[in-house]
Protein backbone atom coordinates (compact mmCIF):
# COMPACT_ATOMS: atom_id res chain seq x y z
CA UNK A 1 69.14 13.14 -11.12
CA UNK A 2 65.93 13.87 -13.04
CA UNK A 3 64.82 16.49 -10.50
CA UNK A 4 68.23 18.20 -10.64
CA UNK A 5 68.03 18.31 -14.43
CA UNK A 6 64.52 19.72 -14.26
CA UNK A 7 65.58 22.44 -11.81
CA UNK A 8 68.44 23.47 -14.09
CA UNK A 9 66.08 23.57 -17.07
CA UNK A 10 63.62 25.79 -15.23
CA UNK A 11 66.42 28.13 -14.22
CA UNK A 12 67.57 28.36 -17.82
CA UNK A 13 64.03 29.12 -19.00
CA UNK A 14 63.58 31.79 -16.36
CA UNK A 15 66.74 33.49 -17.57
CA UNK A 16 65.47 33.55 -21.16
CA UNK A 17 61.89 34.75 -20.50
CA UNK A 18 61.17 38.22 -19.17
CA UNK A 19 59.48 38.01 -15.80
CA UNK A 20 55.78 38.80 -15.91
CA UNK A 21 54.69 42.02 -14.25
CA UNK A 22 50.91 41.92 -14.78
CA UNK A 23 49.35 38.52 -14.14
CA UNK A 24 45.75 37.33 -14.46
CA UNK A 25 44.96 34.08 -12.67
CA UNK A 26 42.03 32.00 -13.92
CA UNK A 27 41.76 29.62 -10.97
CA UNK A 28 41.83 30.04 -7.16
CA UNK A 29 44.54 27.37 -6.93
CA UNK A 30 46.79 29.34 -9.28
CA UNK A 31 46.15 32.53 -7.34
CA UNK A 32 47.23 30.67 -4.19
CA UNK A 33 50.46 29.54 -5.83
CA UNK A 34 51.26 33.12 -6.81
CA UNK A 35 50.70 34.19 -3.18
CA UNK A 36 52.78 31.30 -1.85
CA UNK A 37 55.63 32.50 -4.06
CA UNK A 38 55.41 35.97 -2.52
CA UNK A 39 54.21 37.50 -5.78
CA UNK A 40 50.63 38.56 -4.98
CA UNK A 41 51.55 42.11 -5.98
CA UNK A 42 51.79 40.93 -9.60
CA UNK A 43 48.13 39.86 -9.77
CA UNK A 44 46.02 42.40 -11.65
CA UNK A 45 42.98 40.16 -12.14
CA UNK A 46 41.51 36.89 -10.85
CA UNK A 47 38.67 34.57 -11.81
CA UNK A 48 36.44 34.10 -8.79
CA UNK A 49 35.42 30.74 -7.43
CA UNK A 50 34.48 30.48 -3.78
CA UNK A 51 35.65 32.78 -1.02
CA UNK A 52 38.68 34.93 -1.82
CA UNK A 53 41.76 35.20 0.38
CA UNK A 54 41.86 38.52 2.23
CA UNK A 55 45.12 39.42 0.48
CA UNK A 56 43.30 39.43 -2.88
CA UNK A 57 40.19 41.31 -1.77
CA UNK A 58 41.03 44.38 -3.87
CA UNK A 59 42.20 42.56 -7.03
CA UNK A 60 39.79 43.14 -9.95
CA UNK A 61 37.56 40.23 -10.97
CA UNK A 62 37.50 38.91 -14.54
CA UNK A 63 34.41 36.79 -13.96
CA UNK A 64 33.56 33.45 -12.39
CA UNK A 65 34.07 29.81 -13.39
CA UNK A 66 32.75 29.33 -16.90
CA UNK A 67 31.90 33.02 -17.22
CA UNK A 68 35.11 34.81 -18.19
CA UNK A 69 34.70 38.52 -18.99
CA UNK A 70 37.12 38.76 -21.89
CA UNK A 71 36.73 42.52 -22.31
CA UNK A 72 37.55 43.08 -18.65
CA UNK A 73 40.56 40.79 -18.89
CA UNK A 74 41.96 42.67 -21.89
CA UNK A 75 41.44 46.03 -20.17
CA UNK A 76 43.87 44.90 -17.43
CA UNK A 77 46.67 44.49 -20.01
CA UNK A 78 48.17 41.28 -18.58
CA UNK A 79 51.53 40.00 -19.78
CA UNK A 80 50.83 36.50 -18.41
CA UNK A 81 47.64 34.48 -18.01
CA UNK A 82 47.61 31.48 -15.68
CA UNK A 83 44.95 29.05 -16.88
CA UNK A 84 43.41 25.93 -15.43
CA UNK A 85 41.57 24.46 -18.48
CA UNK A 86 38.39 23.65 -16.58
CA UNK A 87 37.87 27.24 -15.49
CA UNK A 88 36.61 28.46 -18.87
CA UNK A 89 34.78 26.89 -21.79
CA UNK A 90 36.52 25.50 -24.91
CA UNK A 91 35.63 28.52 -27.09
CA UNK A 92 37.13 30.99 -24.63
CA UNK A 93 40.22 28.81 -24.17
CA UNK A 94 40.81 29.02 -27.91
CA UNK A 95 40.21 32.75 -27.82
CA UNK A 96 42.81 33.16 -25.06
CA UNK A 97 45.36 31.31 -27.15
CA UNK A 98 44.81 33.80 -30.00
CA UNK A 99 45.33 36.95 -27.91
CA UNK A 100 49.10 37.06 -28.33
CA UNK A 101 49.42 37.08 -24.53
CA UNK A 102 51.57 34.36 -22.93
CA UNK A 103 49.36 31.67 -21.37
CA UNK A 104 50.62 29.11 -18.87
CA UNK A 105 48.28 26.09 -18.72
CA UNK A 106 48.31 24.24 -15.40
CA UNK A 107 46.52 20.94 -14.90
CA UNK A 108 48.56 18.68 -12.60
CA UNK A 109 47.35 15.08 -12.50
CA UNK A 110 49.54 14.07 -9.57
CA UNK A 111 51.42 15.70 -6.73
CA UNK A 112 54.82 15.49 -8.40
CA UNK A 113 53.41 17.41 -11.36
CA UNK A 114 52.17 20.02 -8.89
CA UNK A 115 55.69 20.64 -7.60
CA UNK A 116 56.94 20.98 -11.19
CA UNK A 117 54.10 23.42 -11.90
CA UNK A 118 55.07 25.52 -8.87
CA UNK A 119 58.62 25.85 -10.19
CA UNK A 120 57.45 26.65 -13.72
CA UNK A 121 55.12 29.41 -12.52
CA UNK A 122 57.86 30.78 -10.27
CA UNK A 123 60.19 31.00 -13.27
CA UNK A 124 57.55 32.94 -15.24
CA UNK A 125 57.18 35.38 -12.34
CA UNK A 126 60.89 35.94 -11.85
CA UNK A 127 60.75 34.05 -8.53
CA UNK A 128 62.81 30.98 -9.45
CA UNK A 129 64.52 30.78 -6.05
CA UNK A 130 61.20 30.93 -4.22
CA UNK A 131 59.85 28.25 -6.55
CA UNK A 132 62.73 25.90 -5.82
CA UNK A 133 62.32 26.46 -2.09
CA UNK A 134 58.57 25.88 -2.12
CA UNK A 135 58.88 22.78 -4.33
CA UNK A 136 61.52 21.35 -1.99
CA UNK A 137 59.23 21.94 1.00
CA UNK A 138 56.34 20.21 -0.76
CA UNK A 139 58.45 17.19 -1.69
CA UNK A 140 59.73 16.90 1.87
CA UNK A 141 56.19 17.02 3.25
CA UNK A 142 55.10 14.37 0.74
CA UNK A 143 57.96 12.12 1.80
CA UNK A 144 56.97 12.51 5.45
CA UNK A 145 53.32 11.71 4.80
CA UNK A 146 54.11 8.69 2.63
CA UNK A 147 56.47 7.32 5.27
CA UNK A 148 53.95 7.79 8.07
CA UNK A 149 50.84 6.44 6.33
CA UNK A 150 52.28 3.66 4.16
CA UNK A 151 50.24 0.44 4.25
CA UNK A 152 51.12 -3.01 3.04
CA UNK A 153 47.56 -3.25 1.67
CA UNK A 154 46.01 0.10 0.66
CA UNK A 155 42.62 1.00 2.15
CA UNK A 156 39.92 0.95 -0.53
CA UNK A 157 38.25 4.38 -0.57
CA UNK A 158 35.32 5.93 -2.41
CA UNK A 159 35.81 9.70 -2.71
CA UNK A 160 32.46 11.38 -3.29
CA UNK A 161 32.42 14.73 -5.08
CA UNK A 162 28.64 15.16 -5.32
CA UNK A 163 25.61 13.12 -4.42
CA UNK A 164 22.81 14.02 -6.86
CA UNK A 165 23.85 12.72 -9.28
CA UNK A 166 26.70 10.77 -7.74
CA UNK A 167 30.16 11.90 -8.86
CA UNK A 168 33.62 10.75 -7.88
CA UNK A 169 37.21 11.28 -9.10
CA UNK A 170 38.93 9.19 -11.76
CA UNK A 171 42.41 7.72 -11.67
CA UNK A 172 44.01 10.63 -13.54
CA UNK A 173 42.78 13.22 -11.05
CA UNK A 174 45.25 14.67 -8.52
CA UNK A 175 42.96 13.80 -5.60
CA UNK A 176 43.19 10.14 -6.60
CA UNK A 177 46.98 10.39 -6.41
CA UNK A 178 46.71 12.21 -3.07
CA UNK A 179 44.78 9.29 -1.58
CA UNK A 180 47.74 6.99 -2.21
CA UNK A 181 49.89 9.20 0.02
CA UNK A 182 47.50 8.39 2.88
CA UNK A 183 47.84 4.65 2.27
CA UNK A 184 44.52 4.48 0.41
CA UNK A 185 43.36 3.58 -3.10
CA UNK A 186 40.56 5.17 -5.08
CA UNK A 187 38.14 2.34 -5.92
CA UNK A 188 37.40 4.08 -9.23
CA UNK A 189 41.02 4.67 -10.21
CA UNK A 190 40.44 2.65 -13.38
CA UNK A 191 38.20 5.41 -14.80
CA UNK A 192 39.93 8.01 -16.97
CA UNK A 193 37.46 10.90 -16.66
CA UNK A 194 38.47 13.49 -14.05
CA UNK A 195 34.99 13.48 -12.45
CA UNK A 196 33.00 10.45 -13.64
CA UNK A 197 29.35 9.94 -12.74
CA UNK A 198 28.77 6.59 -11.04
CA UNK A 199 25.80 4.70 -9.63
CA UNK A 200 25.11 3.61 -6.09
CA UNK A 201 25.09 0.04 -7.37
CA UNK A 202 28.62 0.38 -8.74
CA UNK A 203 29.85 1.80 -5.43
CA UNK A 204 28.26 -1.07 -3.51
CA UNK A 205 29.77 -3.55 -5.94
CA UNK A 206 33.27 -2.16 -5.42
CA UNK A 207 32.69 -2.36 -1.66
CA UNK A 208 34.92 0.48 -0.37
CA UNK A 209 36.22 0.22 3.18
CA UNK A 210 35.76 3.97 3.64
CA UNK A 211 33.59 6.61 1.98
CA UNK A 212 34.79 10.22 2.01
CA UNK A 213 32.19 12.98 1.65
CA UNK A 214 32.36 16.76 1.85
CA UNK A 215 29.39 17.71 4.04
CA UNK A 216 26.73 16.54 6.47
CA UNK A 217 24.03 16.28 3.79
CA UNK A 218 26.13 13.75 1.89
CA UNK A 219 26.77 11.83 5.11
CA UNK A 220 23.04 11.70 5.86
CA UNK A 221 22.23 10.39 2.36
CA UNK A 222 24.21 7.22 3.10
CA UNK A 223 21.91 6.33 6.01
CA UNK A 224 19.72 4.58 3.44
CA UNK A 225 22.50 1.94 3.26
CA UNK A 226 23.27 1.25 6.95
CA UNK A 227 26.27 -0.98 6.28
CA UNK A 228 27.88 1.71 4.15
CA UNK A 229 26.84 4.54 6.47
CA UNK A 230 29.19 3.12 9.12
CA UNK A 231 32.10 3.65 6.74
CA UNK A 232 31.41 7.32 5.90
CA UNK A 233 33.86 10.00 7.01
CA UNK A 234 33.81 13.73 6.26
CA UNK A 235 36.73 15.38 4.46
CA UNK A 236 38.06 18.10 6.83
CA UNK A 237 38.07 20.95 4.30
CA UNK A 238 38.07 21.88 0.59
CA UNK A 239 41.84 22.29 0.34
CA UNK A 240 42.30 19.11 -1.72
CA UNK A 241 40.25 20.65 -4.51
CA UNK A 242 42.79 23.47 -5.01
CA UNK A 243 46.15 22.13 -6.27
CA UNK A 244 48.57 24.57 -4.65
CA UNK A 245 51.05 24.47 -1.78
CA UNK A 246 48.28 24.46 0.81
CA UNK A 247 47.02 21.18 -0.65
CA UNK A 248 49.74 19.30 1.23
CA UNK A 249 48.49 20.50 4.61
CA UNK A 250 44.92 19.68 3.58
CA UNK A 251 46.20 16.23 2.62
CA UNK A 252 47.79 15.82 6.04
CA UNK A 253 44.44 16.52 7.65
CA UNK A 254 42.76 13.99 5.35
CA UNK A 255 45.36 11.34 6.19
CA UNK A 256 44.50 11.76 9.88
CA UNK A 257 40.85 11.04 9.01
CA UNK A 258 41.75 7.97 6.95
CA UNK A 259 44.23 6.62 9.52
CA UNK A 260 43.53 8.32 12.88
CA UNK A 261 45.68 5.85 14.83
CA UNK A 262 48.92 6.64 13.00
């Protein structure tokens, strides 16, 4: 009932707001959502972070993470800015809010919020039908993954973001929620910061049954603790770090690492 009400609300909003025609995306994940909605032609500028999709190779850059070129952005005359708060500093976020250009702020803390975000962005782009369809596909995929990987007792997992210093994800971060879909639990889900710094001692104390790392160097670092090194697994790709439709397929690949026998 709540989802039906939300869908009707988004449709009503899309009817009241003129569809954007010139969009600047300030996060790779938001650029991906625009592409997934079939609206890549509306992108007139993107903030770079990592390798770009081929489809966006010719779209002008407005800077990189933390280094937004405001003058360049304004020269593109956008009528909608898609913003992930962490992509620019606080001063520039405030400046964006004063530009008299519509800004949509996207920071989903769980996967259900991601599907709502997809529909909201679709409404802003005049692609409400595509948004409903994509959100429905994401919810169906989530249901399938939860059904397949459900555990009576969740596997305790340490998700490592960086190793020097040691960073992980807190309980309010979307990756922490994603782990639950795979039948796992973030051992630091009691921390509120999105990317808290932790110590090796605190990890050992919480005694995770599995440690997830992003590359071989991080795997090798755990050889100093042989008991823990046996529990280390590598995350298949970086897709979990970009909250967009592709995140669900990246999550499926992670679930197969966490529970290869299912």
